[in-house]
Amino acid sequence: MTRKVGIAVSLVLAFIFTLMIARGVGQVKEQEVEVARVKEYVAAGEVLAPERLEAVKAPAGLAQGAVPVGEAAGKPVKFSLVKGQLVMREVLDQGEPLKQGFVEVYVPVDLASSALVLPGQYVNVYVVAKQQGAAPVLLLERVRVLHAVASQGEAVGSAKQGVAAAVQGSNVPAAVGLEVPADRAPAVAQAAAQKAVYLGRVAP
């Protein structure tokens, strides 16, 4: 092979490789997906109102697990989101948002005091003064359970799964998040700090 022929072959191969790279770049661009991004800081428990979201395009690989605006809008979030962060499916709380005028208060529980309640169920909240041996005092009635977490912080099932499916081995509620009126939250928090809260499950 002469030098001229070698140069010509090299130029042809370079041209082919350039076309392949250009086509690959085009394919990457075609694989972009439209997902939701927050336009401002969103605290845990707050609802992703449509005006707090914007649709952006991102490479499918980088946006894996992110959701579109239509799926994120109106959902509360389990964790805080910073401005510009993509909304991932795992951060969305699929349960109902807090009712207006209510807040979520976490109370520590054990097997005896938790009634093995799961998110979506309702409970009566009692306060027991263990040291004094007094009878339980009814603090709140028909309180909705929003979350239940085990000792390591992992979520414990839902009412739809049922206790048998949601609670396995030692994976039982160590704390539950209760939806309580904002003006009653201090009383619940005080009882929780004293580990004096007992729950009684009631019908939906």
N, C-alpha and C. Protein backbone atom coordinates (compact mmCIF):
# COMPACT_ATOMS: atom_id res chain seq x y z
N MET A 1 0.86 -1.20 0.00
CA MET A 1 0.00 0.00 0.00
C MET A 1 0.89 1.24 0.00
N THR A 2 0.65 2.14 -0.97
CA THR A 2 1.44 3.36 -1.05
C THR A 2 1.01 4.33 0.04
N ARG A 3 1.85 5.31 0.22
CA ARG A 3 1.55 6.30 1.25
C ARG A 3 0.28 7.06 0.93
N LYS A 4 0.08 7.39 -0.34
CA LYS A 4 -1.13 8.14 -0.74
C LYS A 4 -2.39 7.32 -0.45
N VAL A 5 -2.30 6.02 -0.79
CA VAL A 5 -3.46 5.15 -0.54
C VAL A 5 -3.72 5.06 0.95
N GLY A 6 -2.67 4.95 1.74
CA GLY A 6 -2.83 4.86 3.20
C GLY A 6 -3.49 6.10 3.76
N ILE A 7 -3.09 7.27 3.26
CA ILE A 7 -3.68 8.52 3.72
C ILE A 7 -5.16 8.57 3.35
N ALA A 8 -5.47 8.13 2.11
CA ALA A 8 -6.85 8.15 1.64
C ALA A 8 -7.72 7.24 2.50
N VAL A 9 -7.21 6.06 2.81
CA VAL A 9 -7.96 5.12 3.65
C VAL A 9 -8.19 5.72 5.04
N SER A 10 -7.16 6.36 5.59
CA SER A 10 -7.27 6.97 6.91
C SER A 10 -8.33 8.06 6.92
N LEU A 11 -8.36 8.86 5.82
CA LEU A 11 -9.36 9.92 5.73
C LEU A 11 -10.77 9.36 5.66
N VAL A 12 -10.93 8.28 4.90
CA VAL A 12 -12.26 7.64 4.78
C VAL A 12 -12.72 7.10 6.13
N LEU A 13 -11.77 6.41 6.82
CA LEU A 13 -12.12 5.85 8.13
C LEU A 13 -12.46 6.97 9.13
N ALA A 14 -11.70 8.04 9.06
CA ALA A 14 -11.97 9.16 9.97
C ALA A 14 -13.35 9.75 9.70
N PHE A 15 -13.71 9.86 8.42
CA PHE A 15 -15.01 10.38 8.04
C PHE A 15 -16.13 9.48 8.56
N ILE A 16 -15.91 8.14 8.42
CA ILE A 16 -16.92 7.19 8.90
C ILE A 16 -17.08 7.29 10.42
N PHE A 17 -15.96 7.37 11.13
CA PHE A 17 -16.02 7.47 12.59
C PHE A 17 -16.71 8.77 13.01
N THR A 18 -16.46 9.84 12.27
CA THR A 18 -17.11 11.12 12.58
C THR A 18 -18.61 11.02 12.43
N LEU A 19 -19.06 10.35 11.36
CA LEU A 19 -20.49 10.15 11.16
C LEU A 19 -21.09 9.32 12.29
N MET A 20 -20.35 8.27 12.71
CA MET A 20 -20.86 7.41 13.78
C MET A 20 -20.97 8.18 15.09
N ILE A 21 -19.96 9.01 15.40
CA ILE A 21 -20.00 9.80 16.62
C ILE A 21 -21.14 10.80 16.58
N ALA A 22 -21.31 11.46 15.42
CA ALA A 22 -22.39 12.44 15.28
C ALA A 22 -23.74 11.77 15.46
N ARG A 23 -23.89 10.57 14.88
CA ARG A 23 -25.15 9.85 15.01
C ARG A 23 -25.37 9.44 16.47
N GLY A 24 -24.29 9.03 17.15
CA GLY A 24 -24.41 8.64 18.57
C GLY A 24 -24.84 9.80 19.43
N VAL A 25 -24.25 10.99 19.16
CA VAL A 25 -24.63 12.19 19.91
C VAL A 25 -26.09 12.50 19.69
N GLY A 26 -26.54 12.36 18.44
CA GLY A 26 -27.94 12.60 18.14
C GLY A 26 -28.85 11.65 18.87
N GLN A 27 -28.41 10.39 18.98
CA GLN A 27 -29.23 9.39 19.68
C GLN A 27 -29.32 9.71 21.16
N VAL A 28 -28.20 10.19 21.75
CA VAL A 28 -28.22 10.56 23.16
C VAL A 28 -29.22 11.67 23.40
N LYS A 29 -29.22 12.66 22.50
CA LYS A 29 -30.16 13.76 22.63
C LYS A 29 -31.59 13.28 22.51
N GLU A 30 -31.82 12.32 21.66
CA GLU A 30 -33.17 11.80 21.48
C GLU A 30 -33.65 11.04 22.72
N GLN A 31 -32.71 10.60 23.55
CA GLN A 31 -33.07 9.82 24.73
C GLN A 31 -33.33 10.70 25.96
N GLU A 32 -33.39 12.00 25.76
CA GLU A 32 -33.72 12.89 26.86
C GLU A 32 -35.18 12.72 27.25
N VAL A 33 -35.47 12.87 28.52
CA VAL A 33 -36.84 12.75 29.02
C VAL A 33 -37.20 14.04 29.76
N GLU A 34 -38.48 14.30 29.83
CA GLU A 34 -38.96 15.50 30.53
C GLU A 34 -39.37 15.13 31.95
N VAL A 35 -38.78 15.78 32.93
CA VAL A 35 -39.03 15.47 34.33
C VAL A 35 -39.28 16.75 35.12
N ALA A 36 -39.71 16.58 36.35
CA ALA A 36 -40.03 17.72 37.21
C ALA A 36 -38.81 18.17 38.01
N ARG A 37 -38.69 19.48 38.18
CA ARG A 37 -37.63 20.06 39.00
C ARG A 37 -38.26 21.14 39.87
N VAL A 38 -37.82 21.23 41.13
CA VAL A 38 -38.41 22.23 42.02
C VAL A 38 -37.76 23.59 41.77
N LYS A 39 -38.57 24.64 41.83
CA LYS A 39 -38.08 25.99 41.59
C LYS A 39 -37.68 26.71 42.87
N GLU A 40 -37.93 26.06 44.01
CA GLU A 40 -37.61 26.66 45.29
C GLU A 40 -37.44 25.57 46.33
N TYR A 41 -36.96 25.95 47.50
CA TYR A 41 -36.79 24.98 48.59
C TYR A 41 -38.16 24.47 49.03
N VAL A 42 -38.26 23.15 49.22
CA VAL A 42 -39.49 22.53 49.69
C VAL A 42 -39.16 21.71 50.93
N ALA A 43 -39.81 22.02 52.03
CA ALA A 43 -39.54 21.32 53.28
C ALA A 43 -40.27 19.98 53.31
N ALA A 44 -39.74 19.04 54.08
CA ALA A 44 -40.38 17.73 54.23
C ALA A 44 -41.80 17.90 54.74
N GLY A 45 -42.72 17.17 54.10
CA GLY A 45 -44.12 17.23 54.50
C GLY A 45 -44.93 18.24 53.70
N GLU A 46 -44.26 19.16 53.01
CA GLU A 46 -44.99 20.15 52.22
C GLU A 46 -45.46 19.54 50.89
N VAL A 47 -46.47 20.18 50.31
CA VAL A 47 -47.05 19.70 49.06
C VAL A 47 -46.37 20.38 47.87
N LEU A 48 -46.14 19.60 46.83
CA LEU A 48 -45.55 20.15 45.60
C LEU A 48 -46.65 20.77 44.75
N ALA A 49 -46.96 22.01 45.04
CA ALA A 49 -47.95 22.73 44.25
C ALA A 49 -47.40 22.94 42.84
N PRO A 50 -48.26 22.95 41.82
CA PRO A 50 -47.79 23.08 40.43
C PRO A 50 -46.88 24.27 40.21
N GLU A 51 -47.16 25.40 40.90
CA GLU A 51 -46.34 26.60 40.68
C GLU A 51 -44.94 26.47 41.28
N ARG A 52 -44.70 25.43 42.04
CA ARG A 52 -43.37 25.22 42.63
C ARG A 52 -42.52 24.29 41.76
N LEU A 53 -43.10 23.85 40.65
CA LEU A 53 -42.43 22.89 39.77
C LEU A 53 -42.20 23.47 38.39
N GLU A 54 -41.21 22.92 37.69
CA GLU A 54 -40.99 23.25 36.30
C GLU A 54 -40.54 21.99 35.56
N ALA A 55 -40.89 21.92 34.31
CA ALA A 55 -40.52 20.76 33.49
C ALA A 55 -39.18 21.04 32.81
N VAL A 56 -38.27 20.10 32.94
CA VAL A 56 -36.96 20.23 32.31
C VAL A 56 -36.63 18.93 31.59
N LYS A 57 -35.75 19.01 30.60
CA LYS A 57 -35.31 17.83 29.88
C LYS A 57 -33.94 17.41 30.39
N ALA A 58 -33.80 16.12 30.61
CA ALA A 58 -32.54 15.59 31.13
C ALA A 58 -32.26 14.25 30.48
N PRO A 59 -30.98 13.86 30.33
CA PRO A 59 -30.65 12.55 29.78
C PRO A 59 -31.32 11.45 30.59
N ALA A 60 -31.85 10.47 29.90
CA ALA A 60 -32.59 9.40 30.56
C ALA A 60 -31.78 8.72 31.65
N GLY A 61 -30.48 8.55 31.40
CA GLY A 61 -29.63 7.88 32.39
C GLY A 61 -29.52 8.68 33.68
N LEU A 62 -29.39 10.01 33.53
CA LEU A 62 -29.25 10.87 34.71
C LEU A 62 -30.58 11.08 35.42
N ALA A 63 -31.67 10.98 34.67
CA ALA A 63 -32.99 11.24 35.24
C ALA A 63 -33.71 9.96 35.64
N GLN A 64 -32.99 8.87 35.74
CA GLN A 64 -33.62 7.60 36.11
C GLN A 64 -34.24 7.71 37.51
N GLY A 65 -35.53 7.41 37.60
CA GLY A 65 -36.23 7.49 38.87
C GLY A 65 -36.96 8.80 39.08
N ALA A 66 -36.68 9.80 38.22
CA ALA A 66 -37.37 11.09 38.32
C ALA A 66 -38.76 10.98 37.69
N VAL A 67 -39.67 11.86 38.11
CA VAL A 67 -41.05 11.79 37.64
C VAL A 67 -41.40 13.07 36.88
N PRO A 68 -42.38 13.01 35.99
CA PRO A 68 -42.82 14.21 35.29
C PRO A 68 -43.65 15.11 36.21
N VAL A 69 -43.88 16.33 35.77
CA VAL A 69 -44.61 17.31 36.58
C VAL A 69 -45.99 16.79 36.96
N GLY A 70 -46.67 16.15 36.00
CA GLY A 70 -48.02 15.66 36.26
C GLY A 70 -48.10 14.66 37.39
N GLU A 71 -47.05 13.88 37.58
CA GLU A 71 -47.04 12.89 38.65
C GLU A 71 -46.62 13.48 39.98
N ALA A 72 -45.81 14.54 39.94
CA ALA A 72 -45.32 15.15 41.18
C ALA A 72 -46.28 16.17 41.77
N ALA A 73 -47.01 16.89 40.92
CA ALA A 73 -47.86 17.97 41.39
C ALA A 73 -48.93 17.46 42.36
N GLY A 74 -49.07 18.19 43.46
CA GLY A 74 -50.10 17.86 44.44
C GLY A 74 -49.69 16.83 45.46
N LYS A 75 -48.47 16.30 45.35
CA LYS A 75 -48.00 15.26 46.27
C LYS A 75 -47.13 15.89 47.37
N PRO A 76 -47.28 15.44 48.61
CA PRO A 76 -46.34 15.86 49.66
C PRO A 76 -45.03 15.11 49.51
N VAL A 77 -43.98 15.66 50.09
CA VAL A 77 -42.67 15.01 49.99
C VAL A 77 -42.21 14.50 51.35
N LYS A 78 -41.51 13.37 51.34
CA LYS A 78 -41.01 12.77 52.57
C LYS A 78 -39.78 13.50 53.08
N PHE A 79 -38.98 14.04 52.15
CA PHE A 79 -37.72 14.68 52.51
C PHE A 79 -37.66 16.08 51.89
N SER A 80 -36.82 16.93 52.45
CA SER A 80 -36.67 18.28 51.92
C SER A 80 -35.99 18.24 50.55
N LEU A 81 -36.37 19.19 49.70
CA LEU A 81 -35.78 19.33 48.37
C LEU A 81 -35.21 20.74 48.24
N VAL A 82 -34.02 20.86 47.68
CA VAL A 82 -33.42 22.17 47.47
C VAL A 82 -33.76 22.67 46.07
N LYS A 83 -33.65 23.97 45.89
CA LYS A 83 -33.96 24.58 44.61
C LYS A 83 -33.15 23.94 43.49
N GLY A 84 -33.82 23.57 42.39
CA GLY A 84 -33.14 22.98 41.26
C GLY A 84 -33.01 21.47 41.31
N GLN A 85 -33.50 20.84 42.36
CA GLN A 85 -33.38 19.38 42.50
C GLN A 85 -34.49 18.68 41.72
N LEU A 86 -34.12 17.60 41.03
CA LEU A 86 -35.12 16.79 40.33
C LEU A 86 -35.98 16.06 41.36
N VAL A 87 -37.24 15.85 41.00
CA VAL A 87 -38.16 15.17 41.90
C VAL A 87 -38.13 13.68 41.60
N MET A 88 -37.59 12.91 42.54
CA MET A 88 -37.50 11.47 42.36
C MET A 88 -38.76 10.80 42.93
N ARG A 89 -39.12 9.68 42.35
CA ARG A 89 -40.33 8.97 42.78
C ARG A 89 -40.26 8.59 44.25
N GLU A 90 -39.07 8.22 44.71
CA GLU A 90 -38.94 7.74 46.09
C GLU A 90 -39.15 8.83 47.12
N VAL A 91 -39.06 10.12 46.71
CA VAL A 91 -39.23 11.20 47.67
C VAL A 91 -40.71 11.56 47.84
N LEU A 92 -41.55 11.11 46.93
CA LEU A 92 -42.97 11.44 46.99
C LEU A 92 -43.68 10.60 48.04
N ASP A 93 -44.50 11.25 48.81
CA ASP A 93 -45.33 10.55 49.78
C ASP A 93 -46.64 10.24 49.08
N GLN A 94 -46.90 8.96 48.86
CA GLN A 94 -48.08 8.56 48.10
C GLN A 94 -49.38 8.66 48.91
N GLY A 95 -49.22 8.93 50.20
CA GLY A 95 -50.41 9.09 51.03
C GLY A 95 -51.06 10.44 50.80
N GLU A 96 -52.16 10.67 51.49
CA GLU A 96 -52.87 11.94 51.36
C GLU A 96 -52.10 13.03 52.10
N PRO A 97 -52.15 14.26 51.60
CA PRO A 97 -51.46 15.35 52.28
C PRO A 97 -52.14 15.70 53.60
N LEU A 98 -51.45 16.44 54.43
CA LEU A 98 -52.02 16.88 55.70
C LEU A 98 -53.25 17.73 55.46
N LYS A 99 -54.23 17.56 56.32
CA LYS A 99 -55.41 18.42 56.25
C LYS A 99 -55.03 19.82 56.74
N GLN A 100 -55.74 20.80 56.25
CA GLN A 100 -55.44 22.18 56.63
C GLN A 100 -55.63 22.37 58.13
N GLY A 101 -54.66 23.02 58.75
CA GLY A 101 -54.73 23.25 60.18
C GLY A 101 -54.18 22.10 61.01
N PHE A 102 -53.63 21.08 60.35
CA PHE A 102 -53.08 19.92 61.05
C PHE A 102 -51.58 19.85 60.82
N VAL A 103 -50.88 19.19 61.74
CA VAL A 103 -49.45 18.96 61.60
C VAL A 103 -49.17 17.50 61.92
N GLU A 104 -47.99 17.03 61.53
CA GLU A 104 -47.60 15.66 61.84
C GLU A 104 -46.66 15.65 63.04
N VAL A 105 -46.99 14.81 64.02
CA VAL A 105 -46.18 14.66 65.21
C VAL A 105 -45.78 13.19 65.34
N TYR A 106 -44.49 12.94 65.46
CA TYR A 106 -44.00 11.57 65.63
C TYR A 106 -43.96 11.23 67.12
N VAL A 107 -44.46 10.05 67.46
CA VAL A 107 -44.42 9.60 68.85
C VAL A 107 -43.73 8.24 68.90
N PRO A 108 -42.84 8.03 69.87
CA PRO A 108 -42.19 6.73 70.01
C PRO A 108 -43.17 5.70 70.56
N VAL A 109 -43.11 4.48 70.03
CA VAL A 109 -44.01 3.42 70.47
C VAL A 109 -43.23 2.11 70.54
N ASP A 110 -43.85 1.13 71.20
CA ASP A 110 -43.31 -0.23 71.19
C ASP A 110 -44.49 -1.15 70.89
N LEU A 111 -44.27 -2.45 70.97
CA LEU A 111 -45.35 -3.39 70.64
C LEU A 111 -46.58 -3.17 71.51
N ALA A 112 -46.36 -2.86 72.77
CA ALA A 112 -47.49 -2.71 73.68
C ALA A 112 -48.27 -1.42 73.43
N SER A 113 -47.55 -0.37 73.05
CA SER A 113 -48.21 0.94 72.93
C SER A 113 -48.59 1.33 71.51
N SER A 114 -48.14 0.58 70.51
CA SER A 114 -48.36 0.98 69.12
C SER A 114 -49.65 0.46 68.53
N ALA A 115 -50.21 -0.61 69.11
CA ALA A 115 -51.39 -1.28 68.54
C ALA A 115 -51.09 -1.81 67.14
N LEU A 116 -49.80 -1.88 66.79
CA LEU A 116 -49.36 -2.32 65.46
C LEU A 116 -50.10 -1.59 64.34
N VAL A 117 -50.24 -0.29 64.52
CA VAL A 117 -50.95 0.49 63.51
C VAL A 117 -50.04 0.75 62.31
N LEU A 118 -50.65 0.94 61.17
CA LEU A 118 -49.94 1.21 59.93
C LEU A 118 -50.49 2.47 59.28
N PRO A 119 -49.72 3.08 58.40
CA PRO A 119 -50.19 4.29 57.72
C PRO A 119 -51.56 4.07 57.07
N GLY A 120 -52.45 5.02 57.27
CA GLY A 120 -53.80 4.92 56.71
C GLY A 120 -54.84 4.48 57.73
N GLN A 121 -54.39 3.97 58.87
CA GLN A 121 -55.32 3.56 59.91
C GLN A 121 -55.58 4.71 60.88
N TYR A 122 -56.57 4.52 61.75
CA TYR A 122 -56.95 5.56 62.71
C TYR A 122 -56.81 5.05 64.14
N VAL A 123 -56.44 5.96 65.04
CA VAL A 123 -56.23 5.57 66.42
C VAL A 123 -56.81 6.61 67.37
N ASN A 124 -57.08 6.17 68.60
CA ASN A 124 -57.30 7.08 69.71
C ASN A 124 -55.96 7.22 70.43
N VAL A 125 -55.66 8.42 70.87
CA VAL A 125 -54.39 8.68 71.53
C VAL A 125 -54.62 8.84 73.03
N TYR A 126 -53.96 7.99 73.80
CA TYR A 126 -54.08 8.03 75.26
C TYR A 126 -52.75 8.44 75.88
N VAL A 127 -52.83 9.06 77.04
CA VAL A 127 -51.64 9.40 77.82
C VAL A 127 -51.71 8.62 79.12
N VAL A 128 -50.61 7.94 79.44
CA VAL A 128 -50.54 7.13 80.66
C VAL A 128 -49.38 7.61 81.52
N ALA A 129 -49.69 7.99 82.74
CA ALA A 129 -48.65 8.38 83.69
C ALA A 129 -48.18 7.12 84.40
N LYS A 130 -47.13 6.50 83.87
CA LYS A 130 -46.69 5.20 84.39
C LYS A 130 -46.25 5.28 85.85
N GLN A 131 -45.52 6.34 86.20
CA GLN A 131 -44.98 6.43 87.54
C GLN A 131 -46.09 6.53 88.59
N GLN A 132 -47.17 7.19 88.23
CA GLN A 132 -48.24 7.40 89.20
C GLN A 132 -49.27 6.27 89.19
N GLY A 133 -49.19 5.39 88.20
CA GLY A 133 -50.13 4.29 88.12
C GLY A 133 -51.55 4.73 87.83
N ALA A 134 -51.72 5.90 87.23
CA ALA A 134 -53.05 6.42 86.94
C ALA A 134 -53.64 5.75 85.71
N ALA A 135 -54.95 5.85 85.58
CA ALA A 135 -55.64 5.29 84.43
C ALA A 135 -55.32 6.11 83.18
N PRO A 136 -55.36 5.48 82.00
CA PRO A 136 -55.09 6.24 80.76
C PRO A 136 -56.09 7.38 80.56
N VAL A 137 -55.60 8.48 80.03
CA VAL A 137 -56.44 9.65 79.75
C VAL A 137 -56.53 9.82 78.24
N LEU A 138 -57.75 9.89 77.74
CA LEU A 138 -57.95 10.06 76.30
C LEU A 138 -57.57 11.48 75.90
N LEU A 139 -56.58 11.59 75.02
CA LEU A 139 -56.10 12.89 74.58
C LEU A 139 -56.74 13.32 73.26
N LEU A 140 -56.79 12.41 72.29
CA LEU A 140 -57.37 12.71 70.98
C LEU A 140 -58.09 11.48 70.44
N GLU A 141 -59.16 11.71 69.68
CA GLU A 141 -59.92 10.62 69.09
C GLU A 141 -59.76 10.62 67.57
N ARG A 142 -59.81 9.44 66.99
CA ARG A 142 -59.80 9.25 65.54
C ARG A 142 -58.71 10.06 64.85
N VAL A 143 -57.48 9.76 65.22
CA VAL A 143 -56.32 10.43 64.63
C VAL A 143 -55.77 9.54 63.52
N ARG A 144 -55.50 10.16 62.39
CA ARG A 144 -54.99 9.39 61.25
C ARG A 144 -53.50 9.14 61.38
N VAL A 145 -53.08 7.91 61.12
CA VAL A 145 -51.67 7.55 61.12
C VAL A 145 -51.10 7.83 59.73
N LEU A 146 -50.10 8.70 59.65
CA LEU A 146 -49.51 9.07 58.37
C LEU A 146 -48.31 8.22 58.01
N HIS A 147 -47.46 7.93 58.99
CA HIS A 147 -46.25 7.15 58.75
C HIS A 147 -45.97 6.24 59.93
N ALA A 148 -45.25 5.17 59.65
CA ALA A 148 -44.75 4.28 60.70
C ALA A 148 -43.34 3.89 60.31
N VAL A 149 -42.42 3.97 61.26
CA VAL A 149 -41.03 3.65 60.97
C VAL A 149 -40.51 2.66 61.99
N ALA A 150 -39.59 1.80 61.56
CA ALA A 150 -38.97 0.82 62.45
C ALA A 150 -37.78 1.47 63.17
N SER A 151 -37.08 0.68 63.95
CA SER A 151 -36.01 1.22 64.80
C SER A 151 -34.86 1.84 64.01
N GLN A 152 -34.63 1.38 62.78
CA GLN A 152 -33.54 1.93 61.96
C GLN A 152 -34.03 3.04 61.02
N GLY A 153 -35.29 3.45 61.17
CA GLY A 153 -35.82 4.53 60.36
C GLY A 153 -36.49 4.09 59.07
N GLU A 154 -36.51 2.79 58.79
CA GLU A 154 -37.13 2.31 57.56
C GLU A 154 -38.65 2.32 57.70
N ALA A 155 -39.33 2.65 56.61
CA ALA A 155 -40.79 2.71 56.62
C ALA A 155 -41.37 1.33 56.85
N VAL A 156 -42.47 1.29 57.59
CA VAL A 156 -43.16 0.03 57.86
C VAL A 156 -44.51 0.06 57.16
N GLY A 157 -44.57 -0.58 56.00
CA GLY A 157 -45.79 -0.89 55.28
C GLY A 157 -46.88 0.15 55.20
N SER A 158 -48.09 -0.34 54.95
CA SER A 158 -49.28 0.49 54.88
C SER A 158 -50.48 -0.36 55.24
N ALA A 159 -51.60 0.30 55.51
CA ALA A 159 -52.80 -0.42 55.88
C ALA A 159 -53.28 -1.33 54.76
N LYS A 160 -52.99 -0.95 53.51
CA LYS A 160 -53.43 -1.76 52.37
C LYS A 160 -52.75 -3.12 52.35
N GLN A 161 -51.51 -3.18 52.86
CA GLN A 161 -50.79 -4.45 52.88
C GLN A 161 -51.29 -5.38 53.97
N GLY A 162 -51.73 -4.79 55.07
CA GLY A 162 -52.10 -5.61 56.22
C GLY A 162 -50.91 -5.84 57.12
N VAL A 163 -51.17 -6.13 58.37
CA VAL A 163 -50.10 -6.28 59.36
C VAL A 163 -49.16 -7.43 59.01
N ALA A 164 -49.71 -8.56 58.59
CA ALA A 164 -48.88 -9.74 58.33
C ALA A 164 -47.85 -9.47 57.25
N ALA A 165 -48.25 -8.76 56.20
CA ALA A 165 -47.32 -8.49 55.09
C ALA A 165 -46.36 -7.36 55.41
N ALA A 166 -46.84 -6.36 56.17
CA ALA A 166 -46.01 -5.19 56.43
C ALA A 166 -45.02 -5.40 57.55
N VAL A 167 -45.40 -6.16 58.55
CA VAL A 167 -44.54 -6.35 59.72
C VAL A 167 -43.90 -7.73 59.65
N GLN A 168 -42.60 -7.75 59.50
CA GLN A 168 -41.87 -9.01 59.39
C GLN A 168 -40.72 -9.02 60.38
N GLY A 169 -40.63 -10.09 61.16
CA GLY A 169 -39.56 -10.22 62.14
C GLY A 169 -39.57 -9.07 63.12
N SER A 170 -38.43 -8.37 63.21
CA SER A 170 -38.34 -7.25 64.16
C SER A 170 -38.72 -5.93 63.52
N ASN A 171 -39.22 -5.97 62.28
CA ASN A 171 -39.58 -4.75 61.56
C ASN A 171 -40.96 -4.28 62.00
N VAL A 172 -41.05 -3.81 63.23
CA VAL A 172 -42.31 -3.33 63.79
C VAL A 172 -42.18 -1.84 64.08
N PRO A 173 -43.30 -1.13 64.16
CA PRO A 173 -43.21 0.32 64.38
C PRO A 173 -42.47 0.68 65.67
N ALA A 174 -41.49 1.57 65.54
CA ALA A 174 -40.79 2.12 66.69
C ALA A 174 -41.23 3.56 66.92
N ALA A 175 -41.84 4.14 65.90
CA ALA A 175 -42.40 5.48 66.00
C ALA A 175 -43.46 5.63 64.91
N VAL A 176 -44.47 6.41 65.20
CA VAL A 176 -45.51 6.65 64.20
C VAL A 176 -45.75 8.14 64.08
N GLY A 177 -46.08 8.57 62.86
CA GLY A 177 -46.40 9.97 62.61
C GLY A 177 -47.90 10.14 62.63
N LEU A 178 -48.40 10.99 63.52
CA LEU A 178 -49.83 11.20 63.69
C LEU A 178 -50.26 12.57 63.15
N GLU A 179 -51.40 12.62 62.51
CA GLU A 179 -51.95 13.88 62.01
C GLU A 179 -52.83 14.48 63.11
N VAL A 180 -52.33 15.55 63.72
CA VAL A 180 -53.04 16.14 64.85
C VAL A 180 -53.31 17.61 64.60
N PRO A 181 -54.37 18.15 65.20
CA PRO A 181 -54.62 19.59 65.08
C PRO A 181 -53.42 20.38 65.60
N ALA A 182 -53.09 21.46 64.93
CA ALA A 182 -51.90 22.23 65.29
C ALA A 182 -51.94 22.70 66.73
N ASP A 183 -53.13 23.05 67.23
CA ASP A 183 -53.21 23.56 68.60
C ASP A 183 -53.07 22.46 69.65
N ARG A 184 -53.18 21.18 69.24
CA ARG A 184 -53.01 20.08 70.18
C ARG A 184 -51.64 19.42 70.07
N ALA A 185 -50.88 19.86 69.09
CA ALA A 185 -49.56 19.26 68.86
C ALA A 185 -48.63 19.37 70.07
N PRO A 186 -48.59 20.53 70.78
CA PRO A 186 -47.69 20.61 71.94
C PRO A 186 -48.00 19.56 73.01
N ALA A 187 -49.28 19.30 73.26
CA ALA A 187 -49.65 18.32 74.27
C ALA A 187 -49.21 16.92 73.85
N VAL A 188 -49.38 16.60 72.56
CA VAL A 188 -48.96 15.29 72.05
C VAL A 188 -47.44 15.16 72.11
N ALA A 189 -46.75 16.22 71.73
CA ALA A 189 -45.28 16.20 71.75
C ALA A 189 -44.75 16.04 73.17
N GLN A 190 -45.39 16.70 74.13
CA GLN A 190 -44.96 16.59 75.52
C GLN A 190 -45.13 15.16 76.03
N ALA A 191 -46.28 14.56 75.72
CA ALA A 191 -46.52 13.18 76.13
C ALA A 191 -45.55 12.23 75.44
N ALA A 192 -45.24 12.52 74.17
CA ALA A 192 -44.31 11.69 73.42
C ALA A 192 -42.92 11.76 74.03
N ALA A 193 -42.50 12.96 74.46
CA ALA A 193 -41.19 13.13 75.07
C ALA A 193 -41.06 12.32 76.35
N GLN A 194 -42.18 12.10 77.03
CA GLN A 194 -42.19 11.32 78.26
C GLN A 194 -42.46 9.84 78.00
N LYS A 195 -42.59 9.49 76.72
CA LYS A 195 -42.90 8.12 76.31
C LYS A 195 -44.14 7.60 77.04
N ALA A 196 -45.14 8.50 77.09
CA ALA A 196 -46.36 8.17 77.80
C ALA A 196 -47.56 8.02 76.86
N VAL A 197 -47.29 7.92 75.55
CA VAL A 197 -48.38 7.82 74.57
C VAL A 197 -48.71 6.35 74.29
N TYR A 198 -49.99 6.05 74.35
CA TYR A 198 -50.49 4.72 73.97
C TYR A 198 -51.56 4.91 72.91
N LEU A 199 -51.56 4.04 71.95
CA LEU A 199 -52.51 4.14 70.85
C LEU A 199 -53.51 3.00 70.88
N GLY A 200 -54.74 3.32 70.53
CA GLY A 200 -55.77 2.30 70.41
C GLY A 200 -56.39 2.36 69.04
N ARG A 201 -56.31 1.30 68.28
CA ARG A 201 -56.81 1.33 66.92
C ARG A 201 -58.34 1.40 66.90
N VAL A 202 -58.86 2.21 65.98
CA VAL A 202 -60.31 2.35 65.82
C VAL A 202 -60.68 2.13 64.37
N ALA A 203 -61.95 1.88 64.10
CA ALA A 203 -62.42 1.64 62.74
C ALA A 203 -62.27 2.89 61.90
N PRO A 204 -62.00 2.75 60.61
CA PRO A 204 -61.86 3.91 59.71
C PRO A 204 -63.13 4.77 59.73
